Amino acid sequence: MPKKVEESDVPCCESDPLKGASRGVSCCKVDALITIDGRGQIVLPKDIRARAGIEGGDKLAVISWETDGRVCCLSLIKADEFGTSIKGLLGPMMEEILQG
């Protein structure tokens, strides 16, 4: 019997399998343009940190996509949300493998 999907199991940036629709997630919104300094550091604007609930000392996972061997896109995911995101991506595949 398939495991019941709980609301907390659904990553914030993914469609909601409980309702079959998006949870009010908007896509491809440019919030700010930031600059990389000479040491490779960036500053996330205060309003973005506040909306995302990011505080000093929080960890972010950097996710990259490559095209033709060149990184074309980067995303930041809060580390405490990363496990849920991976579970959402790999969970159904692992269940299929185990049941297969």
C-alpha atoms as a PDB file:
ATOM      1  CA  MET A   1       0.000   0.000   0.000  1.00  0.00           C
ATOM      2  CA  PRO A   2       1.489   3.409  -0.957  1.00  0.00           C
ATOM      3  CA  LYS A   3       2.590   5.657   1.865  1.00  0.00           C
ATOM      4  CA  LYS A   4       0.216   8.533   2.541  1.00  0.00           C
ATOM      5  CA  VAL A   5       1.744  11.829   1.402  1.00  0.00           C
ATOM      6  CA  GLU A   6       1.781  14.383   4.189  1.00  0.00           C
ATOM      7  CA  GLU A   7       1.715  18.154   3.580  1.00  0.00           C
ATOM      8  CA  SER A   8       5.125  18.440   5.313  1.00  0.00           C
ATOM      9  CA  ASP A   9       6.596  15.903   2.828  1.00  0.00           C
ATOM     10  CA  VAL A  10       6.036  18.269  -0.113  1.00  0.00           C
ATOM     11  CA  PRO A  11       8.905  20.667  -0.875  1.00  0.00           C
ATOM     12  CA  CYS A  12       7.852  24.306  -0.984  1.00  0.00           C
ATOM     13  CA  CYS A  13       8.983  24.628  -4.612  1.00  0.00           C
ATOM     14  CA  GLU A  14       7.055  21.701  -6.040  1.00  0.00           C
ATOM     15  CA  SER A  15       3.491  20.964  -7.083  1.00  0.00           C
ATOM     16  CA  ASP A  16       1.256  19.665  -4.345  1.00  0.00           C
ATOM     17  CA  PRO A  17       0.568  15.948  -4.904  1.00  0.00           C
ATOM     18  CA  LEU A  18      -2.201  16.113  -2.302  1.00  0.00           C
ATOM     19  CA  LYS A  19      -4.252  18.485  -4.430  1.00  0.00           C
ATOM     20  CA  GLY A  20      -2.687  17.928  -7.859  1.00  0.00           C
ATOM     21  CA  ALA A  21      -1.989  21.629  -8.267  1.00  0.00           C
ATOM     22  CA  SER A  22       0.569  24.234  -7.390  1.00  0.00           C
ATOM     23  CA  ARG A  23       0.590  25.598  -3.836  1.00  0.00           C
ATOM     24  CA  GLY A  24       0.688  29.209  -5.000  1.00  0.00           C
ATOM     25  CA  VAL A  25       4.283  28.877  -6.150  1.00  0.00           C
ATOM     26  CA  SER A  26       5.425  31.486  -8.621  1.00  0.00           C
ATOM     27  CA  CYS A  27       8.232  30.703 -11.008  1.00  0.00           C
ATOM     28  CA  CYS A  28      11.079  32.629 -12.602  1.00  0.00           C
ATOM     29  CA  LYS A  29      10.690  35.842 -10.639  1.00  0.00           C
ATOM     30  CA  VAL A  30      13.708  38.136 -10.587  1.00  0.00           C
ATOM     31  CA  ASP A  31      13.903  39.514  -7.049  1.00  0.00           C
ATOM     32  CA  ALA A  32      17.263  41.257  -7.297  1.00  0.00           C
ATOM     33  CA  LEU A  33      20.497  41.529  -9.214  1.00  0.00           C
ATOM     34  CA  ILE A  34      23.471  40.869  -6.963  1.00  0.00           C
ATOM     35  CA  THR A  35      27.216  41.288  -7.431  1.00  0.00           C
ATOM     36  CA  ILE A  36      29.944  38.776  -6.673  1.00  0.00           C
ATOM     37  CA  ASP A  37      32.825  40.519  -4.899  1.00  0.00           C
ATOM     38  CA  GLY A  38      36.530  39.883  -5.490  1.00  0.00           C
ATOM     39  CA  ARG A  39      36.522  37.084  -2.891  1.00  0.00           C
ATOM     40  CA  GLY A  40      33.558  35.317  -4.546  1.00  0.00           C
ATOM     41  CA  GLN A  41      31.068  36.399  -1.889  1.00  0.00           C
ATOM     42  CA  ILE A  42      27.527  37.643  -2.404  1.00  0.00           C
ATOM     43  CA  VAL A  43      25.102  39.556  -0.235  1.00  0.00           C
ATOM     44  CA  LEU A  44      21.450  38.580  -0.320  1.00  0.00           C
ATOM     45  CA  PRO A  45      19.310  41.711   0.045  1.00  0.00           C
ATOM     46  CA  LYS A  46      17.704  42.160   3.454  1.00  0.00           C
ATOM     47  CA  ASP A  47      14.112  41.995   2.175  1.00  0.00           C
ATOM     48  CA  ILE A  48      14.789  38.676   0.397  1.00  0.00           C
ATOM     49  CA  ARG A  49      16.442  37.224   3.536  1.00  0.00           C
ATOM     50  CA  ALA A  50      13.459  38.361   5.610  1.00  0.00           C
ATOM     51  CA  ARG A  51      10.861  36.854   3.228  1.00  0.00           C
ATOM     52  CA  ALA A  52      12.837  33.596   3.030  1.00  0.00           C
ATOM     53  CA  GLY A  53      13.434  33.427   6.786  1.00  0.00           C
ATOM     54  CA  ILE A  54      17.212  33.326   6.267  1.00  0.00           C
ATOM     55  CA  GLU A  55      19.334  34.455   9.204  1.00  0.00           C
ATOM     56  CA  GLY A  56      23.057  34.699   9.850  1.00  0.00           C
ATOM     57  CA  GLY A  57      24.566  31.234  10.215  1.00  0.00           C
ATOM     58  CA  ASP A  58      21.847  29.497   8.141  1.00  0.00           C
ATOM     59  CA  LYS A  59      23.100  27.093   5.488  1.00  0.00           C
ATOM     60  CA  LEU A  60      22.019  27.111   1.851  1.00  0.00           C
ATOM     61  CA  ALA A  61      22.538  24.336  -0.683  1.00  0.00           C
ATOM     62  CA  VAL A  62      23.735  25.562  -4.088  1.00  0.00           C
ATOM     63  CA  ILE A  63      22.173  23.573  -6.929  1.00  0.00           C
ATOM     64  CA  SER A  64      23.580  23.902 -10.440  1.00  0.00           C
ATOM     65  CA  TRP A  65      22.380  22.878 -13.903  1.00  0.00           C
ATOM     66  CA  GLU A  66      24.769  22.323 -16.785  1.00  0.00           C
ATOM     67  CA  THR A  67      24.333  22.637 -20.523  1.00  0.00           C
ATOM     68  CA  ASP A  68      27.139  21.510 -22.818  1.00  0.00           C
ATOM     69  CA  GLY A  69      29.516  21.221 -19.846  1.00  0.00           C
ATOM     70  CA  ARG A  70      28.882  24.802 -18.690  1.00  0.00           C
ATOM     71  CA  VAL A  71      26.899  25.772 -15.601  1.00  0.00           C
ATOM     72  CA  CYS A  72      23.957  27.811 -16.863  1.00  0.00           C
ATOM     73  CA  CYS A  73      21.735  28.112 -13.775  1.00  0.00           C
ATOM     74  CA  LEU A  74      22.192  28.221 -10.005  1.00  0.00           C
ATOM     75  CA  SER A  75      19.561  27.901  -7.302  1.00  0.00           C
ATOM     76  CA  LEU A  76      19.746  28.282  -3.550  1.00  0.00           C
ATOM     77  CA  ILE A  77      17.715  26.001  -1.288  1.00  0.00           C
ATOM     78  CA  LYS A  78      17.616  26.336   2.486  1.00  0.00           C
ATOM     79  CA  ALA A  79      19.539  23.358   3.855  1.00  0.00           C
ATOM     80  CA  ASP A  80      16.696  22.369   6.178  1.00  0.00           C
ATOM     81  CA  GLU A  81      14.358  22.218   3.135  1.00  0.00           C
ATOM     82  CA  PHE A  82      16.891  20.377   0.977  1.00  0.00           C
ATOM     83  CA  GLY A  83      16.217  16.970   2.532  1.00  0.00           C
ATOM     84  CA  THR A  84      12.496  17.348   1.888  1.00  0.00           C
ATOM     85  CA  SER A  85      13.199  18.409  -1.717  1.00  0.00           C
ATOM     86  CA  ILE A  86      15.400  15.383  -2.353  1.00  0.00           C
ATOM     87  CA  LYS A  87      12.904  13.098  -0.640  1.00  0.00           C
ATOM     88  CA  GLY A  88      10.174  14.489  -2.903  1.00  0.00           C
ATOM     89  CA  LEU A  89      12.289  13.866  -6.010  1.00  0.00           C
ATOM     90  CA  LEU A  90      13.755  10.495  -5.122  1.00  0.00           C
ATOM     91  CA  GLY A  91      11.044   9.054  -2.889  1.00  0.00           C
ATOM     92  CA  PRO A  92       8.658   7.965  -5.656  1.00  0.00           C
ATOM     93  CA  MET A  93      11.544   6.555  -7.701  1.00  0.00           C
ATOM     94  CA  MET A  94      12.890   4.577  -4.740  1.00  0.00           C
ATOM     95  CA  GLU A  95       9.412   3.199  -3.951  1.00  0.00           C
ATOM     96  CA  GLU A  96       9.081   2.083  -7.554  1.00  0.00           C
ATOM     97  CA  ILE A  97      12.491   0.377  -7.450  1.00  0.00           C
ATOM     98  CA  LEU A  98      11.708  -1.384  -4.167  1.00  0.00           C
ATOM     99  CA  GLN A  99       8.300  -2.549  -5.378  1.00  0.00           C
ATOM    100  CA  GLY A 100       9.603  -3.466  -8.866  1.00  0.00           C
END
